[in-house]
């Protein structure tokens, strides 16, 4: 019989639960109403166009990104500041490639 430690070590770590539609709406709202218009346009516009094609990991990374200050996020997107490793994720790279239509 296996001991509990070996059972826990052998299990795959499961990803976070998939966001439901209400959570996606909340995330979209947070991205659109940051208080810094440039960040609203970049983050909200990007998420509005891509929310249904993003992976759950991307959505979770996006949500984590929203914990940072707006001006920092804007500077990371525009390349004015070095991105801290905590926020240097594939989703930020996707946002940096986004070009909103005006």
N, C-alpha and C. Protein backbone atom coordinates (compact mmCIF):
# COMPACT_ATOMS: atom_id res chain seq x y z
N UNK A 1 0.85 -1.19 0.00
CA UNK A 1 0.00 0.00 0.00
C UNK A 1 0.89 1.25 0.00
N UNK A 2 0.55 2.23 -0.86
CA UNK A 2 1.33 3.46 -0.94
C UNK A 2 1.05 4.35 0.26
N UNK A 3 2.08 5.06 0.68
CA UNK A 3 1.83 6.02 1.75
C UNK A 3 1.24 7.30 1.14
N UNK A 4 0.64 8.14 1.98
CA UNK A 4 -0.06 9.33 1.50
C UNK A 4 0.87 10.30 0.77
N UNK A 5 2.11 10.44 1.24
CA UNK A 5 3.03 11.37 0.59
C UNK A 5 3.29 11.00 -0.86
N UNK A 6 3.46 9.72 -1.13
CA UNK A 6 3.72 9.32 -2.52
C UNK A 6 2.47 9.49 -3.38
N UNK A 7 1.31 9.32 -2.80
CA UNK A 7 0.07 9.55 -3.55
C UNK A 7 -0.05 11.01 -3.93
N UNK A 8 0.20 11.93 -2.98
CA UNK A 8 0.10 13.35 -3.26
C UNK A 8 1.14 13.79 -4.29
N UNK A 9 2.34 13.25 -4.19
CA UNK A 9 3.40 13.61 -5.15
C UNK A 9 3.08 13.12 -6.55
N UNK A 10 2.35 12.03 -6.68
CA UNK A 10 2.08 11.47 -7.99
C UNK A 10 0.89 12.12 -8.70
N UNK A 11 0.07 12.86 -7.98
CA UNK A 11 -1.09 13.50 -8.59
C UNK A 11 -0.66 14.73 -9.37
N UNK A 12 -1.33 14.94 -10.48
CA UNK A 12 -1.09 16.15 -11.26
C UNK A 12 -1.74 17.32 -10.54
N UNK A 13 -1.08 18.45 -10.62
CA UNK A 13 -1.68 19.66 -10.07
C UNK A 13 -2.70 20.14 -11.08
N UNK A 14 -3.92 20.27 -10.65
CA UNK A 14 -4.98 20.69 -11.55
C UNK A 14 -4.99 22.20 -11.66
N UNK A 15 -5.37 22.71 -12.82
CA UNK A 15 -5.45 24.15 -13.01
C UNK A 15 -6.64 24.71 -12.25
N UNK A 16 -6.65 26.02 -12.14
CA UNK A 16 -7.75 26.69 -11.45
C UNK A 16 -9.04 26.44 -12.22
N UNK A 17 -10.17 26.51 -11.53
CA UNK A 17 -11.44 26.30 -12.22
C UNK A 17 -11.63 27.30 -13.35
N UNK A 18 -12.33 26.89 -14.38
CA UNK A 18 -12.60 27.76 -15.51
C UNK A 18 -13.53 28.88 -15.07
N UNK A 19 -13.24 30.09 -15.57
CA UNK A 19 -14.08 31.23 -15.22
C UNK A 19 -15.46 31.07 -15.87
N UNK A 20 -16.48 31.36 -15.09
CA UNK A 20 -17.83 31.34 -15.66
C UNK A 20 -18.14 32.71 -16.28
N UNK A 21 -19.28 32.83 -16.92
CA UNK A 21 -19.62 34.07 -17.63
C UNK A 21 -19.71 35.27 -16.70
N UNK A 22 -20.23 35.09 -15.50
CA UNK A 22 -20.32 36.21 -14.55
C UNK A 22 -18.93 36.70 -14.14
N UNK A 23 -18.01 35.77 -13.94
CA UNK A 23 -16.64 36.16 -13.59
C UNK A 23 -15.97 36.88 -14.76
N UNK A 24 -16.24 36.43 -15.99
CA UNK A 24 -15.69 37.11 -17.16
C UNK A 24 -16.26 38.52 -17.29
N UNK A 25 -17.54 38.69 -17.02
CA UNK A 25 -18.16 40.02 -17.07
C UNK A 25 -17.53 40.95 -16.02
N UNK A 26 -17.31 40.41 -14.84
CA UNK A 26 -16.69 41.19 -13.77
C UNK A 26 -15.27 41.61 -14.17
N UNK A 27 -14.54 40.68 -14.77
CA UNK A 27 -13.18 40.96 -15.21
C UNK A 27 -13.18 42.02 -16.32
N UNK A 28 -14.12 41.92 -17.23
CA UNK A 28 -14.23 42.90 -18.31
C UNK A 28 -14.57 44.28 -17.75
N UNK A 29 -15.44 44.33 -16.78
CA UNK A 29 -15.78 45.61 -16.13
C UNK A 29 -14.54 46.21 -15.48
N UNK A 30 -13.80 45.40 -14.74
CA UNK A 30 -12.58 45.89 -14.07
C UNK A 30 -11.56 46.39 -15.08
N UNK A 31 -11.47 45.76 -16.23
CA UNK A 31 -10.51 46.16 -17.26
C UNK A 31 -10.92 47.47 -17.93
N UNK A 32 -12.20 47.73 -18.01
CA UNK A 32 -12.70 48.92 -18.69
C UNK A 32 -12.79 50.16 -17.81
N UNK A 33 -12.85 49.99 -16.52
CA UNK A 33 -13.04 51.12 -15.62
C UNK A 33 -11.94 51.18 -14.57
N UNK A 34 -10.72 51.45 -15.05
CA UNK A 34 -9.55 51.48 -14.19
C UNK A 34 -9.35 52.85 -13.55
N UNK A 35 -9.82 53.90 -14.22
CA UNK A 35 -9.59 55.24 -13.71
C UNK A 35 -8.49 55.98 -14.46
N UNK A 36 -7.78 55.28 -15.32
CA UNK A 36 -6.72 55.86 -16.15
C UNK A 36 -7.11 55.51 -17.58
N UNK A 37 -7.55 56.51 -18.32
CA UNK A 37 -8.19 56.28 -19.61
C UNK A 37 -7.35 55.43 -20.57
N UNK A 38 -6.06 55.69 -20.63
CA UNK A 38 -5.21 54.92 -21.53
C UNK A 38 -5.21 53.44 -21.18
N UNK A 39 -5.17 53.14 -19.88
CA UNK A 39 -5.22 51.74 -19.43
C UNK A 39 -6.59 51.14 -19.73
N UNK A 40 -7.65 51.94 -19.57
CA UNK A 40 -9.00 51.46 -19.89
C UNK A 40 -9.08 51.03 -21.35
N UNK A 41 -8.53 51.87 -22.23
CA UNK A 41 -8.59 51.59 -23.67
C UNK A 41 -7.79 50.34 -24.01
N UNK A 42 -6.58 50.25 -23.49
CA UNK A 42 -5.73 49.10 -23.81
C UNK A 42 -6.25 47.81 -23.19
N UNK A 43 -6.47 47.83 -21.89
CA UNK A 43 -6.86 46.60 -21.20
C UNK A 43 -8.29 46.20 -21.53
N UNK A 44 -9.21 47.17 -21.46
CA UNK A 44 -10.61 46.87 -21.75
C UNK A 44 -10.82 46.47 -23.20
N UNK A 45 -10.20 47.21 -24.11
CA UNK A 45 -10.33 46.90 -25.53
C UNK A 45 -9.78 45.53 -25.87
N UNK A 46 -8.60 45.24 -25.33
CA UNK A 46 -7.98 43.93 -25.57
C UNK A 46 -8.89 42.82 -25.06
N UNK A 47 -9.35 42.95 -23.82
CA UNK A 47 -10.15 41.88 -23.24
C UNK A 47 -11.48 41.72 -23.96
N UNK A 48 -12.10 42.82 -24.33
CA UNK A 48 -13.38 42.75 -25.05
C UNK A 48 -13.23 41.96 -26.35
N UNK A 49 -12.14 42.20 -27.07
CA UNK A 49 -11.93 41.51 -28.35
C UNK A 49 -11.49 40.06 -28.19
N UNK A 50 -10.88 39.72 -27.06
CA UNK A 50 -10.24 38.41 -26.94
C UNK A 50 -10.76 37.51 -25.83
N UNK A 51 -11.69 37.96 -25.04
CA UNK A 51 -12.07 37.24 -23.82
C UNK A 51 -12.52 35.80 -24.09
N UNK A 52 -13.18 35.56 -25.21
CA UNK A 52 -13.69 34.21 -25.46
C UNK A 52 -12.66 33.28 -26.09
N UNK A 53 -11.54 33.84 -26.51
CA UNK A 53 -10.50 32.99 -27.10
C UNK A 53 -9.31 32.77 -26.16
N UNK A 54 -9.32 33.43 -25.01
CA UNK A 54 -8.21 33.30 -24.07
C UNK A 54 -8.36 32.03 -23.24
N UNK A 55 -7.22 31.45 -22.90
CA UNK A 55 -7.23 30.27 -22.04
C UNK A 55 -7.55 30.69 -20.60
N UNK A 56 -7.88 29.71 -19.80
CA UNK A 56 -8.14 29.98 -18.39
C UNK A 56 -6.89 30.55 -17.71
N UNK A 57 -5.72 30.04 -18.08
CA UNK A 57 -4.47 30.57 -17.52
C UNK A 57 -4.28 32.03 -17.90
N UNK A 58 -4.58 32.36 -19.17
CA UNK A 58 -4.49 33.75 -19.61
C UNK A 58 -5.43 34.64 -18.82
N UNK A 59 -6.65 34.19 -18.61
CA UNK A 59 -7.63 34.98 -17.85
C UNK A 59 -7.17 35.18 -16.41
N UNK A 60 -6.62 34.14 -15.81
CA UNK A 60 -6.12 34.27 -14.44
C UNK A 60 -4.93 35.22 -14.38
N UNK A 61 -4.03 35.14 -15.38
CA UNK A 61 -2.90 36.07 -15.43
C UNK A 61 -3.38 37.50 -15.66
N UNK A 62 -4.40 37.67 -16.49
CA UNK A 62 -4.97 38.99 -16.73
C UNK A 62 -5.54 39.55 -15.43
N UNK A 63 -6.27 38.73 -14.70
CA UNK A 63 -6.84 39.16 -13.43
C UNK A 63 -5.73 39.55 -12.44
N UNK A 64 -4.65 38.80 -12.41
CA UNK A 64 -3.52 39.14 -11.54
C UNK A 64 -2.88 40.45 -11.97
N UNK A 65 -2.80 40.67 -13.28
CA UNK A 65 -2.23 41.91 -13.80
C UNK A 65 -3.03 43.12 -13.31
N UNK A 66 -4.33 42.98 -13.20
CA UNK A 66 -5.17 44.09 -12.77
C UNK A 66 -4.93 44.50 -11.32
N UNK A 67 -4.18 43.71 -10.59
CA UNK A 67 -3.83 44.07 -9.21
C UNK A 67 -2.74 45.14 -9.16
N UNK A 68 -2.03 45.30 -10.26
CA UNK A 68 -0.95 46.30 -10.33
C UNK A 68 -1.54 47.69 -10.58
N UNK A 69 -0.71 48.71 -10.35
CA UNK A 69 -1.12 50.09 -10.59
C UNK A 69 -1.28 50.34 -12.08
N UNK A 70 -2.27 51.15 -12.43
CA UNK A 70 -2.56 51.46 -13.83
C UNK A 70 -1.35 52.04 -14.56
N UNK A 71 -0.69 52.99 -13.95
CA UNK A 71 0.45 53.64 -14.61
C UNK A 71 1.60 52.66 -14.82
N UNK A 72 1.78 51.74 -13.90
CA UNK A 72 2.80 50.71 -14.09
C UNK A 72 2.44 49.80 -15.26
N UNK A 73 1.18 49.36 -15.30
CA UNK A 73 0.74 48.49 -16.39
C UNK A 73 0.94 49.19 -17.72
N UNK A 74 0.54 50.45 -17.79
CA UNK A 74 0.69 51.21 -19.03
C UNK A 74 2.16 51.31 -19.44
N UNK A 75 3.02 51.57 -18.46
CA UNK A 75 4.46 51.67 -18.75
C UNK A 75 5.04 50.33 -19.19
N UNK A 76 4.56 49.23 -18.65
CA UNK A 76 5.03 47.90 -19.07
C UNK A 76 4.58 47.61 -20.51
N UNK A 77 3.34 48.00 -20.81
CA UNK A 77 2.81 47.75 -22.15
C UNK A 77 3.57 48.58 -23.18
N UNK A 78 3.86 49.82 -22.85
CA UNK A 78 4.54 50.71 -23.79
C UNK A 78 6.05 50.56 -23.77
N UNK A 79 6.57 49.77 -22.84
CA UNK A 79 8.01 49.52 -22.78
C UNK A 79 8.80 50.58 -22.04
N UNK A 80 8.13 51.45 -21.31
CA UNK A 80 8.82 52.50 -20.55
C UNK A 80 9.47 51.97 -19.28
N UNK A 81 8.96 50.87 -18.77
CA UNK A 81 9.50 50.25 -17.56
C UNK A 81 9.74 48.77 -17.84
N UNK A 82 10.68 48.21 -17.10
CA UNK A 82 10.91 46.77 -17.15
C UNK A 82 9.78 46.08 -16.41
N UNK A 83 9.29 45.01 -16.99
CA UNK A 83 8.19 44.26 -16.39
C UNK A 83 8.73 43.35 -15.29
N UNK A 84 8.18 43.45 -14.07
CA UNK A 84 8.58 42.51 -13.01
C UNK A 84 8.22 41.08 -13.41
N UNK A 85 9.00 40.13 -12.99
CA UNK A 85 8.79 38.74 -13.40
C UNK A 85 7.39 38.23 -13.04
N UNK A 86 6.83 38.73 -11.96
CA UNK A 86 5.48 38.32 -11.54
C UNK A 86 4.44 38.61 -12.63
N UNK A 87 4.65 39.68 -13.38
CA UNK A 87 3.68 40.10 -14.39
C UNK A 87 4.15 39.83 -15.82
N UNK A 88 5.34 39.30 -15.98
CA UNK A 88 5.88 39.03 -17.31
C UNK A 88 5.34 37.69 -17.80
N UNK A 89 4.11 37.71 -18.25
CA UNK A 89 3.38 36.50 -18.63
C UNK A 89 3.01 36.55 -20.11
N UNK A 90 2.59 35.43 -20.65
CA UNK A 90 2.17 35.43 -22.06
C UNK A 90 1.02 36.41 -22.34
N UNK A 91 0.14 36.61 -21.37
CA UNK A 91 -0.98 37.54 -21.60
C UNK A 91 -0.48 38.96 -21.76
N UNK A 92 0.54 39.36 -21.01
CA UNK A 92 1.08 40.71 -21.15
C UNK A 92 1.72 40.87 -22.52
N UNK A 93 2.36 39.85 -22.99
CA UNK A 93 2.95 39.89 -24.35
C UNK A 93 1.84 40.06 -25.40
N UNK A 94 0.71 39.39 -25.21
CA UNK A 94 -0.42 39.53 -26.13
C UNK A 94 -0.98 40.96 -26.08
N UNK A 95 -1.09 41.50 -24.88
CA UNK A 95 -1.61 42.86 -24.72
C UNK A 95 -0.67 43.86 -25.40
N UNK A 96 0.62 43.64 -25.29
CA UNK A 96 1.59 44.54 -25.91
C UNK A 96 1.45 44.56 -27.44
N UNK A 97 0.97 43.48 -28.01
CA UNK A 97 0.79 43.42 -29.47
C UNK A 97 -0.55 43.99 -29.91
N UNK A 98 -1.44 44.24 -28.98
CA UNK A 98 -2.78 44.74 -29.29
C UNK A 98 -2.71 46.19 -29.76
N UNK A 99 -3.46 46.48 -30.82
CA UNK A 99 -3.56 47.85 -31.35
C UNK A 99 -5.03 48.23 -31.44
N UNK A 100 -5.50 49.06 -30.50
CA UNK A 100 -6.93 49.43 -30.52
C UNK A 100 -7.29 50.29 -31.73
N UNK A 101 -8.52 50.15 -32.17
CA UNK A 101 -9.04 51.00 -33.24
C UNK A 101 -9.65 52.24 -32.61
N UNK A 102 -9.34 53.37 -33.16
CA UNK A 102 -9.92 54.62 -32.64
C UNK A 102 -10.85 55.22 -33.65
